[in-house]
């Protein structure tokens, strides 16, 4: 369930605070390990980029998580920031 009173944490924040900092791992070292540009990791951590399926697979392999973990973080974030300003009424299925 998507919280209505706050925006879920961006996956880049989770990556940095729950994985990089405890492991004393730099963005550069992670990018090198994953074989991706450092800019890609930096933009993810700074919330300027989202987790793609490819990135989810790479992060899952590196941190022994699942790709679903990363994609769920991204989906929850995206749904919250793109919530419509208006309520949509259900369709009536009257024949």
C-alpha atoms as a PDB file:
ATOM      1  CA  UNK A   1       0.000   0.000   0.000  1.00  0.00           C
ATOM      2  CA  UNK A   2       1.275   3.447  -0.950  1.00  0.00           C
ATOM      3  CA  UNK A   3       1.297   5.862   2.022  1.00  0.00           C
ATOM      4  CA  UNK A   4      -0.819   8.953   1.488  1.00  0.00           C
ATOM      5  CA  UNK A   5       0.865  11.164   4.068  1.00  0.00           C
ATOM      6  CA  UNK A   6       4.431  10.901   2.764  1.00  0.00           C
ATOM      7  CA  UNK A   7       6.437  10.030  -0.318  1.00  0.00           C
ATOM      8  CA  UNK A   8       8.161   6.621  -0.038  1.00  0.00           C
ATOM      9  CA  UNK A   9      11.928   6.703   0.147  1.00  0.00           C
ATOM     10  CA  UNK A  10      13.634   6.877  -3.228  1.00  0.00           C
ATOM     11  CA  UNK A  11      15.603   3.699  -3.978  1.00  0.00           C
ATOM     12  CA  UNK A  12      18.774   5.756  -4.353  1.00  0.00           C
ATOM     13  CA  UNK A  13      18.534   6.787  -0.703  1.00  0.00           C
ATOM     14  CA  UNK A  14      18.082   3.144   0.294  1.00  0.00           C
ATOM     15  CA  UNK A  15      21.081   2.182  -1.824  1.00  0.00           C
ATOM     16  CA  UNK A  16      23.280   4.755  -0.177  1.00  0.00           C
ATOM     17  CA  UNK A  17      22.101   4.527   3.436  1.00  0.00           C
ATOM     18  CA  UNK A  18      21.418   0.802   3.709  1.00  0.00           C
ATOM     19  CA  UNK A  19      24.117  -0.615   1.449  1.00  0.00           C
ATOM     20  CA  UNK A  20      26.955   1.762   0.527  1.00  0.00           C
ATOM     21  CA  UNK A  21      27.492   3.455   3.901  1.00  0.00           C
ATOM     22  CA  UNK A  22      27.408   0.261   6.027  1.00  0.00           C
ATOM     23  CA  UNK A  23      29.770  -1.456   3.602  1.00  0.00           C
ATOM     24  CA  UNK A  24      32.037   1.619   3.393  1.00  0.00           C
ATOM     25  CA  UNK A  25      31.626   1.404  -0.386  1.00  0.00           C
ATOM     26  CA  UNK A  26      31.963   4.417  -2.686  1.00  0.00           C
ATOM     27  CA  UNK A  27      29.808   5.180  -5.690  1.00  0.00           C
ATOM     28  CA  UNK A  28      32.885   4.808  -7.879  1.00  0.00           C
ATOM     29  CA  UNK A  29      33.700   1.372  -6.455  1.00  0.00           C
ATOM     30  CA  UNK A  30      30.109   0.183  -6.914  1.00  0.00           C
ATOM     31  CA  UNK A  31      29.964   1.468 -10.487  1.00  0.00           C
ATOM     32  CA  UNK A  32      33.238  -0.259 -11.297  1.00  0.00           C
ATOM     33  CA  UNK A  33      32.026  -3.519  -9.726  1.00  0.00           C
ATOM     34  CA  UNK A  34      28.761  -3.373 -11.707  1.00  0.00           C
ATOM     35  CA  UNK A  35      30.480  -2.308 -14.923  1.00  0.00           C
ATOM     36  CA  UNK A  36      28.382   0.837 -15.307  1.00  0.00           C
ATOM     37  CA  UNK A  37      29.287   4.532 -15.495  1.00  0.00           C
ATOM     38  CA  UNK A  38      29.739   6.264 -12.139  1.00  0.00           C
ATOM     39  CA  UNK A  39      27.246   8.887 -13.322  1.00  0.00           C
ATOM     40  CA  UNK A  40      24.537   6.222 -13.400  1.00  0.00           C
ATOM     41  CA  UNK A  41      25.060   5.387  -9.719  1.00  0.00           C
ATOM     42  CA  UNK A  42      25.417   9.048  -8.751  1.00  0.00           C
ATOM     43  CA  UNK A  43      22.177  10.037 -10.490  1.00  0.00           C
ATOM     44  CA  UNK A  44      20.355   7.135  -8.856  1.00  0.00           C
ATOM     45  CA  UNK A  45      21.584   8.100  -5.393  1.00  0.00           C
ATOM     46  CA  UNK A  46      20.681  11.755  -5.996  1.00  0.00           C
ATOM     47  CA  UNK A  47      17.162  10.871  -7.139  1.00  0.00           C
ATOM     48  CA  UNK A  48      17.742  12.074 -10.707  1.00  0.00           C
ATOM     49  CA  UNK A  49      17.364   8.570 -12.149  1.00  0.00           C
ATOM     50  CA  UNK A  50      15.198   5.605 -11.317  1.00  0.00           C
ATOM     51  CA  UNK A  51      16.009   1.935 -11.023  1.00  0.00           C
ATOM     52  CA  UNK A  52      15.602   0.167 -14.356  1.00  0.00           C
ATOM     53  CA  UNK A  53      15.109  -3.591 -14.652  1.00  0.00           C
ATOM     54  CA  UNK A  54      18.748  -3.929 -15.737  1.00  0.00           C
ATOM     55  CA  UNK A  55      19.983  -1.930 -12.759  1.00  0.00           C
ATOM     56  CA  UNK A  56      17.707  -3.953 -10.467  1.00  0.00           C
ATOM     57  CA  UNK A  57      19.374  -7.161 -11.663  1.00  0.00           C
ATOM     58  CA  UNK A  58      22.852  -5.688 -11.185  1.00  0.00           C
ATOM     59  CA  UNK A  59      22.117  -4.410  -7.675  1.00  0.00           C
ATOM     60  CA  UNK A  60      20.443  -7.682  -6.735  1.00  0.00           C
ATOM     61  CA  UNK A  61      23.529  -9.628  -7.766  1.00  0.00           C
ATOM     62  CA  UNK A  62      25.907  -7.314  -5.959  1.00  0.00           C
ATOM     63  CA  UNK A  63      23.985  -7.116  -2.686  1.00  0.00           C
ATOM     64  CA  UNK A  64      22.337 -10.575  -2.594  1.00  0.00           C
ATOM     65  CA  UNK A  65      18.843  -9.120  -2.806  1.00  0.00           C
ATOM     66  CA  UNK A  66      16.229  -9.677  -5.481  1.00  0.00           C
ATOM     67  CA  UNK A  67      15.547  -7.487  -8.495  1.00  0.00           C
ATOM     68  CA  UNK A  68      11.978  -7.231  -7.217  1.00  0.00           C
ATOM     69  CA  UNK A  69      13.254  -5.507  -4.080  1.00  0.00           C
ATOM     70  CA  UNK A  70      14.718  -2.673  -6.140  1.00  0.00           C
ATOM     71  CA  UNK A  71      11.835  -2.461  -8.613  1.00  0.00           C
ATOM     72  CA  UNK A  72       9.286  -2.412  -5.788  1.00  0.00           C
ATOM     73  CA  UNK A  73      11.097   0.498  -4.151  1.00  0.00           C
ATOM     74  CA  UNK A  74      11.024   2.328  -7.484  1.00  0.00           C
ATOM     75  CA  UNK A  75       7.379   1.477  -8.224  1.00  0.00           C
ATOM     76  CA  UNK A  76       6.213   2.667  -4.796  1.00  0.00           C
ATOM     77  CA  UNK A  77       8.125   5.910  -5.216  1.00  0.00           C
ATOM     78  CA  UNK A  78       6.828   6.489  -8.763  1.00  0.00           C
ATOM     79  CA  UNK A  79       3.219   5.783  -7.808  1.00  0.00           C
ATOM     80  CA  UNK A  80       3.363   8.217  -4.901  1.00  0.00           C
ATOM     81  CA  UNK A  81       4.918  11.106  -6.816  1.00  0.00           C
ATOM     82  CA  UNK A  82       2.542  10.621  -9.746  1.00  0.00           C
ATOM     83  CA  UNK A  83      -0.698  10.295  -7.763  1.00  0.00           C
ATOM     84  CA  UNK A  84      -3.477  12.198  -9.553  1.00  0.00           C
ATOM     85  CA  UNK A  85      -4.718  15.406  -7.940  1.00  0.00           C
ATOM     86  CA  UNK A  86      -8.304  14.320  -8.411  1.00  0.00           C
ATOM     87  CA  UNK A  87     -10.252  11.233  -7.469  1.00  0.00           C
ATOM     88  CA  UNK A  88     -11.485   9.034 -10.280  1.00  0.00           C
ATOM     89  CA  UNK A  89     -14.872   7.450  -9.783  1.00  0.00           C
ATOM     90  CA  UNK A  90     -15.315   3.777 -10.670  1.00  0.00           C
ATOM     91  CA  UNK A  91     -17.091   2.995 -13.905  1.00  0.00           C
ATOM     92  CA  UNK A  92     -20.657   1.791 -13.641  1.00  0.00           C
ATOM     93  CA  UNK A  93     -21.088  -1.495 -15.410  1.00  0.00           C
ATOM     94  CA  UNK A  94     -24.821  -1.188 -15.974  1.00  0.00           C
ATOM     95  CA  UNK A  95     -26.030  -2.846 -19.153  1.00  0.00           C
END
